[in-house]
Amino acid sequence: METEKRYSEMSEFELKTEIARLTEKARKAEQLGIVNEYAVLERKITMAKAYLLNPEDFKAGDVYQIEGDPGVYFKIDYIDGVFAWGYRMSGGKQQEALPISLLTPLK
């Protein structure tokens, strides 16, 4: 039995292939109305995309827009791997971690 590779162990080509595979599965789940499976697959896609990005491109103290959440901004306290730790500007100061693939730089 073949063991699955972690995203952190995959090459760029393998990650892109995995994203395409997951996207197709998510599309099928959405068409079939399997909401829970669709949500899980979307999270996996987000995580795989995070491993295609360079964490050094994201800086502590910078503010980013959260993809899929218009008008909500996220200020980074620090980066740990492919996760940005910080807080949403709209609410209290509750710290949370978001995959860097969810963050879009402000223009």
PDB file of N, CA and C in Angstrom:
ATOM      1  N   MET A   1       0.849  -1.194   0.000  1.00  0.00           N
ATOM      2  CA  MET A   1       0.000   0.000   0.000  1.00  0.00           C
ATOM      3  C   MET A   1       0.888   1.250   0.000  1.00  0.00           C
ATOM      4  N   GLU A   2       0.604   2.157  -0.884  1.00  0.00           N
ATOM      5  CA  GLU A   2       1.387   3.375  -1.013  1.00  0.00           C
ATOM      6  C   GLU A   2       0.930   4.404   0.016  1.00  0.00           C
ATOM      7  N   THR A   3       1.891   4.987   0.719  1.00  0.00           N
ATOM      8  CA  THR A   3       1.535   6.026   1.679  1.00  0.00           C
ATOM      9  C   THR A   3       1.512   7.369   0.970  1.00  0.00           C
ATOM     10  N   GLU A   4       0.582   8.215   1.389  1.00  0.00           N
ATOM     11  CA  GLU A   4       0.456   9.530   0.778  1.00  0.00           C
ATOM     12  C   GLU A   4       1.588  10.430   1.233  1.00  0.00           C
ATOM     13  N   LYS A   5       2.070  11.244   0.311  1.00  0.00           N
ATOM     14  CA  LYS A   5       3.093  12.235   0.631  1.00  0.00           C
ATOM     15  C   LYS A   5       2.430  13.446   1.281  1.00  0.00           C
ATOM     16  N   ARG A   6       3.151  14.071   2.157  1.00  0.00           N
ATOM     17  CA  ARG A   6       2.688  15.343   2.717  1.00  0.00           C
ATOM     18  C   ARG A   6       2.894  16.429   1.676  1.00  0.00           C
ATOM     19  N   TYR A   7       2.100  17.479   1.753  1.00  0.00           N
ATOM     20  CA  TYR A   7       2.269  18.585   0.816  1.00  0.00           C
ATOM     21  C   TYR A   7       3.671  19.170   0.916  1.00  0.00           C
ATOM     22  N   SER A   8       4.220  19.211   2.122  1.00  0.00           N
ATOM     23  CA  SER A   8       5.554  19.776   2.323  1.00  0.00           C
ATOM     24  C   SER A   8       6.645  18.941   1.647  1.00  0.00           C
ATOM     25  N   GLU A   9       6.349  17.688   1.316  1.00  0.00           N
ATOM     26  CA  GLU A   9       7.328  16.802   0.667  1.00  0.00           C
ATOM     27  C   GLU A   9       7.173  16.783  -0.853  1.00  0.00           C
ATOM     28  N   MET A  10       6.110  17.408  -1.377  1.00  0.00           N
ATOM     29  CA  MET A  10       5.823  17.353  -2.804  1.00  0.00           C
ATOM     30  C   MET A  10       6.582  18.425  -3.582  1.00  0.00           C
ATOM     31  N   SER A  11       6.894  18.094  -4.835  1.00  0.00           N
ATOM     32  CA  SER A  11       7.494  19.065  -5.744  1.00  0.00           C
ATOM     33  C   SER A  11       6.395  20.005  -6.249  1.00  0.00           C
ATOM     34  N   GLU A  12       6.811  21.062  -6.938  1.00  0.00           N
ATOM     35  CA  GLU A  12       5.829  22.003  -7.487  1.00  0.00           C
ATOM     36  C   GLU A  12       4.890  21.282  -8.460  1.00  0.00           C
ATOM     37  N   PHE A  13       5.442  20.417  -9.307  1.00  0.00           N
ATOM     38  CA  PHE A  13       4.622  19.672 -10.265  1.00  0.00           C
ATOM     39  C   PHE A  13       3.613  18.782  -9.541  1.00  0.00           C
ATOM     40  N   GLU A  14       4.077  18.079  -8.500  1.00  0.00           N
ATOM     41  CA  GLU A  14       3.185  17.198  -7.738  1.00  0.00           C
ATOM     42  C   GLU A  14       2.070  17.988  -7.070  1.00  0.00           C
ATOM     43  N   LEU A  15       2.405  19.167  -6.526  1.00  0.00           N
ATOM     44  CA  LEU A  15       1.390  20.011  -5.889  1.00  0.00           C
ATOM     45  C   LEU A  15       0.347  20.470  -6.901  1.00  0.00           C
ATOM     46  N   LYS A  16       0.789  20.902  -8.072  1.00  0.00           N
ATOM     47  CA  LYS A  16      -0.146  21.360  -9.096  1.00  0.00           C
ATOM     48  C   LYS A  16      -1.034  20.214  -9.583  1.00  0.00           C
ATOM     49  N   THR A  17      -0.463  19.021  -9.695  1.00  0.00           N
ATOM     50  CA  THR A  17      -1.239  17.844 -10.085  1.00  0.00           C
ATOM     51  C   THR A  17      -2.275  17.516  -9.016  1.00  0.00           C
ATOM     52  N   GLU A  18      -1.876  17.606  -7.756  1.00  0.00           N
ATOM     53  CA  GLU A  18      -2.786  17.336  -6.637  1.00  0.00           C
ATOM     54  C   GLU A  18      -3.909  18.364  -6.592  1.00  0.00           C
ATOM     55  N   ILE A  19      -3.584  19.627  -6.820  1.00  0.00           N
ATOM     56  CA  ILE A  19      -4.600  20.685  -6.832  1.00  0.00           C
ATOM     57  C   ILE A  19      -5.619  20.421  -7.942  1.00  0.00           C
ATOM     58  N   ALA A  20      -5.139  20.026  -9.115  1.00  0.00           N
ATOM     59  CA  ALA A  20      -6.047  19.722 -10.229  1.00  0.00           C
ATOM     60  C   ALA A  20      -6.951  18.546  -9.887  1.00  0.00           C
ATOM     61  N   ARG A  21      -6.378  17.512  -9.262  1.00  0.00           N
ATOM     62  CA  ARG A  21      -7.154  16.327  -8.874  1.00  0.00           C
ATOM     63  C   ARG A  21      -8.223  16.694  -7.845  1.00  0.00           C
ATOM     64  N   LEU A  22      -7.823  17.460  -6.841  1.00  0.00           N
ATOM     65  CA  LEU A  22      -8.758  17.874  -5.791  1.00  0.00           C
ATOM     66  C   LEU A  22      -9.846  18.797  -6.342  1.00  0.00           C
ATOM     67  N   THR A  23      -9.473  19.669  -7.277  1.00  0.00           N
ATOM     68  CA  THR A  23     -10.442  20.583  -7.882  1.00  0.00           C
ATOM     69  C   THR A  23     -11.518  19.800  -8.624  1.00  0.00           C
ATOM     70  N   GLU A  24     -11.096  18.776  -9.341  1.00  0.00           N
ATOM     71  CA  GLU A  24     -12.061  17.940 -10.067  1.00  0.00           C
ATOM     72  C   GLU A  24     -12.983  17.206  -9.093  1.00  0.00           C
ATOM     73  N   LYS A  25     -12.410  16.663  -8.020  1.00  0.00           N
ATOM     74  CA  LYS A  25     -13.237  15.986  -7.009  1.00  0.00           C
ATOM     75  C   LYS A  25     -14.214  16.960  -6.354  1.00  0.00           C
ATOM     76  N   ALA A  26     -13.748  18.192  -6.089  1.00  0.00           N
ATOM     77  CA  ALA A  26     -14.608  19.205  -5.468  1.00  0.00           C
ATOM     78  C   ALA A  26     -15.750  19.583  -6.409  1.00  0.00           C
ATOM     79  N   ARG A  27     -15.443  19.696  -7.699  1.00  0.00           N
ATOM     80  CA  ARG A  27     -16.473  20.020  -8.678  1.00  0.00           C
ATOM     81  C   ARG A  27     -17.558  18.940  -8.702  1.00  0.00           C
ATOM     82  N   LYS A  28     -17.130  17.685  -8.672  1.00  0.00           N
ATOM     83  CA  LYS A  28     -18.089  16.573  -8.670  1.00  0.00           C
ATOM     84  C   LYS A  28     -18.921  16.564  -7.389  1.00  0.00           C
ATOM     85  N   ALA A  29     -18.264  16.808  -6.243  1.00  0.00           N
ATOM     86  CA  ALA A  29     -18.981  16.839  -4.963  1.00  0.00           C
ATOM     87  C   ALA A  29     -20.008  17.960  -4.953  1.00  0.00           C
ATOM     88  N   GLU A  30     -19.635  19.113  -5.518  1.00  0.00           N
ATOM     89  CA  GLU A  30     -20.564  20.246  -5.573  1.00  0.00           C
ATOM     90  C   GLU A  30     -21.761  19.911  -6.466  1.00  0.00           C
ATOM     91  N   GLN A  31     -21.501  19.281  -7.606  1.00  0.00           N
ATOM     92  CA  GLN A  31     -22.587  18.903  -8.514  1.00  0.00           C
ATOM     93  C   GLN A  31     -23.542  17.903  -7.876  1.00  0.00           C
ATOM     94  N   LEU A  32     -22.981  17.014  -7.051  1.00  0.00           N
ATOM     95  CA  LEU A  32     -23.803  16.004  -6.393  1.00  0.00           C
ATOM     96  C   LEU A  32     -24.455  16.526  -5.112  1.00  0.00           C
ATOM     97  N   GLY A  33     -24.104  17.750  -4.716  1.00  0.00           N
ATOM     98  CA  GLY A  33     -24.690  18.350  -3.522  1.00  0.00           C
ATOM     99  C   GLY A  33     -24.124  17.812  -2.222  1.00  0.00           C
ATOM    100  N   ILE A  34     -22.903  17.271  -2.272  1.00  0.00           N
ATOM    101  CA  ILE A  34     -22.258  16.744  -1.063  1.00  0.00           C
ATOM    102  C   ILE A  34     -21.448  17.883  -0.441  1.00  0.00           C
ATOM    103  N   VAL A  35     -22.135  18.685   0.354  1.00  0.00           N
ATOM    104  CA  VAL A  35     -21.575  19.931   0.878  1.00  0.00           C
ATOM    105  C   VAL A  35     -20.365  19.691   1.780  1.00  0.00           C
ATOM    106  N   ASN A  36     -20.435  18.713   2.666  1.00  0.00           N
ATOM    107  CA  ASN A  36     -19.328  18.460   3.594  1.00  0.00           C
ATOM    108  C   ASN A  36     -18.059  18.062   2.855  1.00  0.00           C
ATOM    109  N   GLU A  37     -18.191  17.163   1.881  1.00  0.00           N
ATOM    110  CA  GLU A  37     -17.023  16.729   1.116  1.00  0.00           C
ATOM    111  C   GLU A  37     -16.443  17.891   0.321  1.00  0.00           C
ATOM    112  N   TYR A  38     -17.312  18.706  -0.246  1.00  0.00           N
ATOM    113  CA  TYR A  38     -16.865  19.877  -0.998  1.00  0.00           C
ATOM    114  C   TYR A  38     -16.045  20.810  -0.100  1.00  0.00           C
ATOM    115  N   ALA A  39     -16.519  21.074   1.109  1.00  0.00           N
ATOM    116  CA  ALA A  39     -15.819  21.971   2.037  1.00  0.00           C
ATOM    117  C   ALA A  39     -14.445  21.411   2.410  1.00  0.00           C
ATOM    118  N   VAL A  40     -14.363  20.109   2.657  1.00  0.00           N
ATOM    119  CA  VAL A  40     -13.085  19.477   3.004  1.00  0.00           C
ATOM    120  C   VAL A  40     -12.110  19.582   1.832  1.00  0.00           C
ATOM    121  N   LEU A  41     -12.584  19.326   0.642  1.00  0.00           N
ATOM    122  CA  LEU A  41     -11.722  19.395  -0.544  1.00  0.00           C
ATOM    123  C   LEU A  41     -11.240  20.822  -0.795  1.00  0.00           C
ATOM    124  N   GLU A  42     -12.097  21.807  -0.579  1.00  0.00           N
ATOM    125  CA  GLU A  42     -11.690  23.206  -0.730  1.00  0.00           C
ATOM    126  C   GLU A  42     -10.570  23.569   0.250  1.00  0.00           C
ATOM    127  N   ARG A  43     -10.663  23.064   1.482  1.00  0.00           N
ATOM    128  CA  ARG A  43      -9.605  23.324   2.468  1.00  0.00           C
ATOM    129  C   ARG A  43      -8.300  22.665   2.049  1.00  0.00           C
ATOM    130  N   LYS A  44      -8.385  21.462   1.511  1.00  0.00           N
ATOM    131  CA  LYS A  44      -7.173  20.772   1.042  1.00  0.00           C
ATOM    132  C   LYS A  44      -6.534  21.536  -0.110  1.00  0.00           C
ATOM    133  N   ILE A  45      -7.347  22.071  -1.013  1.00  0.00           N
ATOM    134  CA  ILE A  45      -6.834  22.864  -2.133  1.00  0.00           C
ATOM    135  C   ILE A  45      -6.121  24.103  -1.604  1.00  0.00           C
ATOM    136  N   THR A  46      -6.726  24.769  -0.633  1.00  0.00           N
ATOM    137  CA  THR A  46      -6.121  25.963  -0.030  1.00  0.00           C
ATOM    138  C   THR A  46      -4.767  25.634   0.576  1.00  0.00           C
ATOM    139  N   MET A  47      -4.680  24.509   1.283  1.00  0.00           N
ATOM    140  CA  MET A  47      -3.410  24.117   1.902  1.00  0.00           C
ATOM    141  C   MET A  47      -2.360  23.775   0.848  1.00  0.00           C
ATOM    142  N   ALA A  48      -2.740  23.051  -0.193  1.00  0.00           N
ATOM    143  CA  ALA A  48      -1.787  22.706  -1.249  1.00  0.00           C
ATOM    144  C   ALA A  48      -1.263  23.971  -1.928  1.00  0.00           C
ATOM    145  N   LYS A  49      -2.157  24.941  -2.160  1.00  0.00           N
ATOM    146  CA  LYS A  49      -1.750  26.201  -2.781  1.00  0.00           C
ATOM    147  C   LYS A  49      -0.769  26.962  -1.897  1.00  0.00           C
ATOM    148  N   ALA A  50      -0.927  26.851  -0.577  1.00  0.00           N
ATOM    149  CA  ALA A  50      -0.034  27.541   0.351  1.00  0.00           C
ATOM    150  C   ALA A  50       1.408  27.055   0.186  1.00  0.00           C
ATOM    151  N   TYR A  51       1.587  25.773  -0.131  1.00  0.00           N
ATOM    152  CA  TYR A  51       2.930  25.220  -0.306  1.00  0.00           C
ATOM    153  C   TYR A  51       3.562  25.633  -1.632  1.00  0.00           C
ATOM    154  N   LEU A  52       2.800  26.244  -2.531  1.00  0.00           N
ATOM    155  CA  LEU A  52       3.360  26.769  -3.771  1.00  0.00           C
ATOM    156  C   LEU A  52       3.893  28.195  -3.590  1.00  0.00           C
ATOM    157  N   LEU A  53       3.561  28.811  -2.465  1.00  0.00           N
ATOM    158  CA  LEU A  53       3.975  30.187  -2.195  1.00  0.00           C
ATOM    159  C   LEU A  53       5.223  30.225  -1.321  1.00  0.00           C
ATOM    160  N   ASN A  54       5.917  31.347  -1.366  1.00  0.00           N
ATOM    161  CA  ASN A  54       7.100  31.548  -0.538  1.00  0.00           C
ATOM    162  C   ASN A  54       6.708  32.312   0.730  1.00  0.00           C
ATOM    163  N   PRO A  55       6.807  31.680   1.901  1.00  0.00           N
ATOM    164  CA  PRO A  55       6.429  32.369   3.141  1.00  0.00           C
ATOM    165  C   PRO A  55       7.206  33.662   3.386  1.00  0.00           C
ATOM    166  N   GLU A  56       8.404  33.779   2.799  1.00  0.00           N
ATOM    167  CA  GLU A  56       9.214  34.988   2.986  1.00  0.00           C
ATOM    168  C   GLU A  56       8.610  36.207   2.285  1.00  0.00           C
ATOM    169  N   ASP A  57       7.646  35.969   1.386  1.00  0.00           N
ATOM    170  CA  ASP A  57       6.973  37.080   0.707  1.00  0.00           C
ATOM    171  C   ASP A  57       5.926  37.749   1.595  1.00  0.00           C
ATOM    172  N   PHE A  58       5.641  37.149   2.742  1.00  0.00           N
ATOM    173  CA  PHE A  58       4.635  37.673   3.672  1.00  0.00           C
ATOM    174  C   PHE A  58       5.370  38.196   4.903  1.00  0.00           C
ATOM    175  N   LYS A  59       5.114  39.444   5.243  1.00  0.00           N
ATOM    176  CA  LYS A  59       5.868  40.123   6.306  1.00  0.00           C
ATOM    177  C   LYS A  59       5.013  40.426   7.532  1.00  0.00           C
ATOM    178  N   ALA A  60       5.614  40.238   8.702  1.00  0.00           N
ATOM    179  CA  ALA A  60       4.957  40.599   9.958  1.00  0.00           C
ATOM    180  C   ALA A  60       4.686  42.101   9.952  1.00  0.00           C
ATOM    181  N   GLY A  61       3.518  42.482  10.439  1.00  0.00           N
ATOM    182  CA  GLY A  61       3.131  43.882  10.491  1.00  0.00           C
ATOM    183  C   GLY A  61       2.363  44.343   9.269  1.00  0.00           C
ATOM    184  N   ASP A  62       2.433  43.584   8.183  1.00  0.00           N
ATOM    185  CA  ASP A  62       1.696  43.948   6.969  1.00  0.00           C
ATOM    186  C   ASP A  62       0.237  43.522   7.084  1.00  0.00           C
ATOM    187  N   VAL A  63      -0.619  44.217   6.340  1.00  0.00           N
ATOM    188  CA  VAL A  63      -2.049  43.925   6.332  1.00  0.00           C
ATOM    189  C   VAL A  63      -2.419  43.364   4.965  1.00  0.00           C
ATOM    190  N   TYR A  64      -3.217  42.299   4.967  1.00  0.00           N
ATOM    191  CA  TYR A  64      -3.635  41.621   3.745  1.00  0.00           C
ATOM    192  C   TYR A  64      -5.151  41.470   3.740  1.00  0.00           C
ATOM    193  N   GLN A  65      -5.712  41.393   2.535  1.00  0.00           N
ATOM    194  CA  GLN A  65      -7.133  41.083   2.421  1.00  0.00           C
ATOM    195  C   GLN A  65      -7.270  39.568   2.458  1.00  0.00           C
ATOM    196  N   ILE A  66      -8.355  39.087   3.062  1.00  0.00           N
ATOM    197  CA  ILE A  66      -8.602  37.651   3.141  1.00  0.00           C
ATOM    198  C   ILE A  66      -9.407  37.237   1.918  1.00  0.00           C
ATOM    199  N   GLU A  67      -8.852  36.310   1.139  1.00  0.00           N
ATOM    200  CA  GLU A  67      -9.530  35.830  -0.070  1.00  0.00           C
ATOM    201  C   GLU A  67     -10.861  35.186   0.309  1.00  0.00           C
ATOM    202  N   GLY A  68     -11.883  35.530  -0.417  1.00  0.00           N
ATOM    203  CA  GLY A  68     -13.206  34.967  -0.169  1.00  0.00           C
ATOM    204  C   GLY A  68     -13.963  35.654   0.950  1.00  0.00           C
ATOM    205  N   ASP A  69     -13.387  36.695   1.521  1.00  0.00           N
ATOM    206  CA  ASP A  69     -14.029  37.439   2.604  1.00  0.00           C
ATOM    207  C   ASP A  69     -13.838  38.933   2.332  1.00  0.00           C
ATOM    208  N   PRO A  70     -14.561  39.479   1.354  1.00  0.00           N
ATOM    209  CA  PRO A  70     -14.345  40.868   0.941  1.00  0.00           C
ATOM    210  C   PRO A  70     -14.529  41.868   2.077  1.00  0.00           C
ATOM    211  N   GLY A  71     -13.641  42.834   2.113  1.00  0.00           N
ATOM    212  CA  GLY A  71     -13.729  43.887   3.117  1.00  0.00           C
ATOM    213  C   GLY A  71     -13.158  43.512   4.467  1.00  0.00           C
ATOM    214  N   VAL A  72     -12.634  42.297   4.591  1.00  0.00           N
ATOM    215  CA  VAL A  72     -12.033  41.861   5.858  1.00  0.00           C
ATOM    216  C   VAL A  72     -10.519  41.805   5.667  1.00  0.00           C
ATOM    217  N   TYR A  73      -9.807  42.411   6.606  1.00  0.00           N
ATOM    218  CA  TYR A  73      -8.351  42.507   6.508  1.00  0.00           C
ATOM    219  C   TYR A  73      -7.699  41.773   7.665  1.00  0.00           C
ATOM    220  N   PHE A  74      -6.480  41.281   7.407  1.00  0.00           N
ATOM    221  CA  PHE A  74      -5.750  40.463   8.363  1.00  0.00           C
ATOM    222  C   PHE A  74      -4.357  41.048   8.539  1.00  0.00           C
ATOM    223  N   LYS A  75      -3.982  41.315   9.790  1.00  0.00           N
ATOM    224  CA  LYS A  75      -2.644  41.838  10.087  1.00  0.00           C
ATOM    225  C   LYS A  75      -1.794  40.700  10.638  1.00  0.00           C
ATOM    226  N   ILE A  76      -0.643  40.488  10.013  1.00  0.00           N
ATOM    227  CA  ILE A  76       0.239  39.386  10.389  1.00  0.00           C
ATOM    228  C   ILE A  76       1.113  39.776  11.573  1.00  0.00           C
ATOM    229  N   ASP A  77       1.132  38.913  12.593  1.00  0.00           N
ATOM    230  CA  ASP A  77       2.071  39.059  13.710  1.00  0.00           C
ATOM    231  C   ASP A  77       3.365  38.319  13.406  1.00  0.00           C
ATOM    232  N   TYR A  78       3.239  37.084  12.885  1.00  0.00           N
ATOM    233  CA  TYR A  78       4.418  36.310  12.496  1.00  0.00           C
ATOM    234  C   TYR A  78       4.010  35.174  11.565  1.00  0.00           C
ATOM    235  N   ILE A  79       5.008  34.617  10.878  1.00  0.00           N
ATOM    236  CA  ILE A  79       4.800  33.506   9.948  1.00  0.00           C
ATOM    237  C   ILE A  79       5.422  32.256  10.560  1.00  0.00           C
ATOM    238  N   ASP A  80       4.687  31.157  10.492  1.00  0.00           N
ATOM    239  CA  ASP A  80       5.200  29.867  10.949  1.00  0.00           C
ATOM    240  C   ASP A  80       4.889  28.845   9.864  1.00  0.00           C
ATOM    241  N   GLY A  81       5.896  28.489   9.082  1.00  0.00           N
ATOM    242  CA  GLY A  81       5.679  27.585   7.960  1.00  0.00           C
ATOM    243  C   GLY A  81       4.856  28.284   6.894  1.00  0.00           C
ATOM    244  N   VAL A  82       3.733  27.668   6.517  1.00  0.00           N
ATOM    245  CA  VAL A  82       2.846  28.277   5.505  1.00  0.00           C
ATOM    246  C   VAL A  82       1.634  28.934   6.158  1.00  0.00           C
ATOM    247  N   PHE A  83       1.718  29.166   7.469  1.00  0.00           N
ATOM    248  CA  PHE A  83       0.630  29.824   8.188  1.00  0.00           C
ATOM    249  C   PHE A  83       1.046  31.214   8.644  1.00  0.00           C
ATOM    250  N   ALA A  84       0.133  32.168   8.463  1.00  0.00           N
ATOM    251  CA  ALA A  84       0.321  33.522   8.970  1.00  0.00           C
ATOM    252  C   ALA A  84      -0.504  33.634  10.247  1.00  0.00           C
ATOM    253  N   TRP A  85       0.171  33.975  11.333  1.00  0.00           N
ATOM    254  CA  TRP A  85      -0.514  34.169  12.604  1.00  0.00           C
ATOM    255  C   TRP A  85      -0.746  35.662  12.798  1.00  0.00           C
ATOM    256  N   GLY A  86      -1.954  36.013  13.196  1.00  0.00           N
ATOM    257  CA  GLY A  86      -2.296  37.414  13.405  1.00  0.00           C
ATOM    258  C   GLY A  86      -3.749  37.544  13.785  1.00  0.00           C
ATOM    259  N   TYR A  87      -4.351  38.655  13.374  1.00  0.00           N
ATOM    260  CA  TYR A  87      -5.747  38.885  13.748  1.00  0.00           C
ATOM    261  C   TYR A  87      -6.461  39.673  12.656  1.00  0.00           C
ATOM    262  N   ARG A  88      -7.775  39.504  12.641  1.00  0.00           N
ATOM    263  CA  ARG A  88      -8.619  40.245  11.695  1.00  0.00           C
ATOM    264  C   ARG A  88      -8.787  41.666  12.209  1.00  0.00           C
ATOM    265  N   MET A  89      -8.682  42.611  11.298  1.00  0.00           N
ATOM    266  CA  MET A  89      -8.762  44.026  11.673  1.00  0.00           C
ATOM    267  C   MET A  89     -10.175  44.422  12.080  1.00  0.00           C
ATOM    268  N   SER A  90     -11.184  43.680  11.603  1.00  0.00           N
ATOM    269  CA  SER A  90     -12.573  44.053  11.844  1.00  0.00           C
ATOM    270  C   SER A  90     -13.063  43.708  13.242  1.00  0.00           C
ATOM    271  N   GLY A  91     -12.442  42.736  13.874  1.00  0.00           N
ATOM    272  CA  GLY A  91     -12.937  42.282  15.167  1.00  0.00           C
ATOM    273  C   GLY A  91     -11.933  42.512  16.268  1.00  0.00           C
ATOM    274  N   GLY A  92     -12.117  41.760  17.339  1.00  0.00           N
ATOM    275  CA  GLY A  92     -11.217  41.864  18.484  1.00  0.00           C
ATOM    276  C   GLY A  92      -9.817  41.407  18.131  1.00  0.00           C
ATOM    277  N   LYS A  93      -8.993  41.305  19.104  1.00  0.00           N
ATOM    278  CA  LYS A  93      -7.587  40.956  18.901  1.00  0.00           C
ATOM    279  C   LYS A  93      -7.343  39.461  19.111  1.00  0.00           C
ATOM    280  N   GLN A  94      -8.333  38.634  18.768  1.00  0.00           N
ATOM    281  CA  GLN A  94      -8.164  37.194  18.925  1.00  0.00           C
ATOM    282  C   GLN A  94      -7.229  36.682  17.834  1.00  0.00           C
ATOM    283  N   GLN A  95      -6.100  36.108  18.258  1.00  0.00           N
ATOM    284  CA  GLN A  95      -5.114  35.633  17.298  1.00  0.00           C
ATOM    285  C   GLN A  95      -5.578  34.335  16.646  1.00  0.00           C
ATOM    286  N   GLU A  96      -5.312  34.222  15.334  1.00  0.00           N
ATOM    287  CA  GLU A  96      -5.644  33.007  14.601  1.00  0.00           C
ATOM    288  C   GLU A  96      -4.592  32.791  13.527  1.00  0.00           C
ATOM    289  N   ALA A  97      -4.590  31.598  12.953  1.00  0.00           N
ATOM    290  CA  ALA A  97      -3.654  31.274  11.884  1.00  0.00           C
ATOM    291  C   ALA A  97      -4.428  31.034  10.596  1.00  0.00           C
ATOM    292  N   LEU A  98      -3.930  31.618   9.511  1.00  0.00           N
ATOM    293  CA  LEU A  98      -4.526  31.406   8.193  1.00  0.00           C
ATOM    294  C   LEU A  98      -3.431  30.915   7.252  1.00  0.00           C
ATOM    295  N   PRO A  99      -3.771  29.996   6.357  1.00  0.00           N
ATOM    296  CA  PRO A  99      -2.794  29.617   5.328  1.00  0.00           C
ATOM    297  C   PRO A  99      -2.462  30.841   4.475  1.00  0.00           C
ATOM    298  N   ILE A 100      -1.215  30.996   4.097  1.00  0.00           N
ATOM    299  CA  ILE A 100      -0.808  32.200   3.356  1.00  0.00           C
ATOM    300  C   ILE A 100      -1.498  32.279   1.992  1.00  0.00           C
ATOM    301  N   SER A 101      -2.020  31.165   1.503  1.00  0.00           N
ATOM    302  CA  SER A 101      -2.721  31.184   0.215  1.00  0.00           C
ATOM    303  C   SER A 101      -4.055  31.927   0.286  1.00  0.00           C
ATOM    304  N   LEU A 102      -4.530  32.211   1.495  1.00  0.00           N
ATOM    305  CA  LEU A 102      -5.774  32.969   1.652  1.00  0.00           C
ATOM    306  C   LEU A 102      -5.546  34.468   1.717  1.00  0.00           C
ATOM    307  N   LEU A 103      -4.282  34.896   1.723  1.00  0.00           N
ATOM    308  CA  LEU A 103      -3.972  36.306   1.900  1.00  0.00           C
ATOM    309  C   LEU A 103      -3.584  36.968   0.584  1.00  0.00           C
ATOM    310  N   THR A 104      -4.224  38.110   0.313  1.00  0.00           N
ATOM    311  CA  THR A 104      -3.955  38.879  -0.893  1.00  0.00           C
ATOM    312  C   THR A 104      -3.373  40.228  -0.467  1.00  0.00           C
ATOM    313  N   PRO A 105      -2.203  40.604  -1.007  1.00  0.00           N
ATOM    314  CA  PRO A 105      -1.609  41.896  -0.620  1.00  0.00           C
ATOM    315  C   PRO A 105      -2.506  43.059  -1.019  1.00  0.00           C
ATOM    316  N   LEU A 106      -2.506  44.103  -0.211  1.00  0.00           N
ATOM    317  CA  LEU A 106      -3.262  45.306  -0.541  1.00  0.00           C
ATOM    318  C   LEU A 106      -2.501  46.062  -1.612  1.00  0.00           C
ATOM    319  N   LYS A 107      -3.224  46.687  -2.504  1.00  0.00           N
ATOM    320  CA  LYS A 107      -2.567  47.417  -3.596  1.00  0.00           C
ATOM    321  C   LYS A 107      -2.337  48.856  -3.232  1.00  0.00           C
TER     322      LYS A 107
END
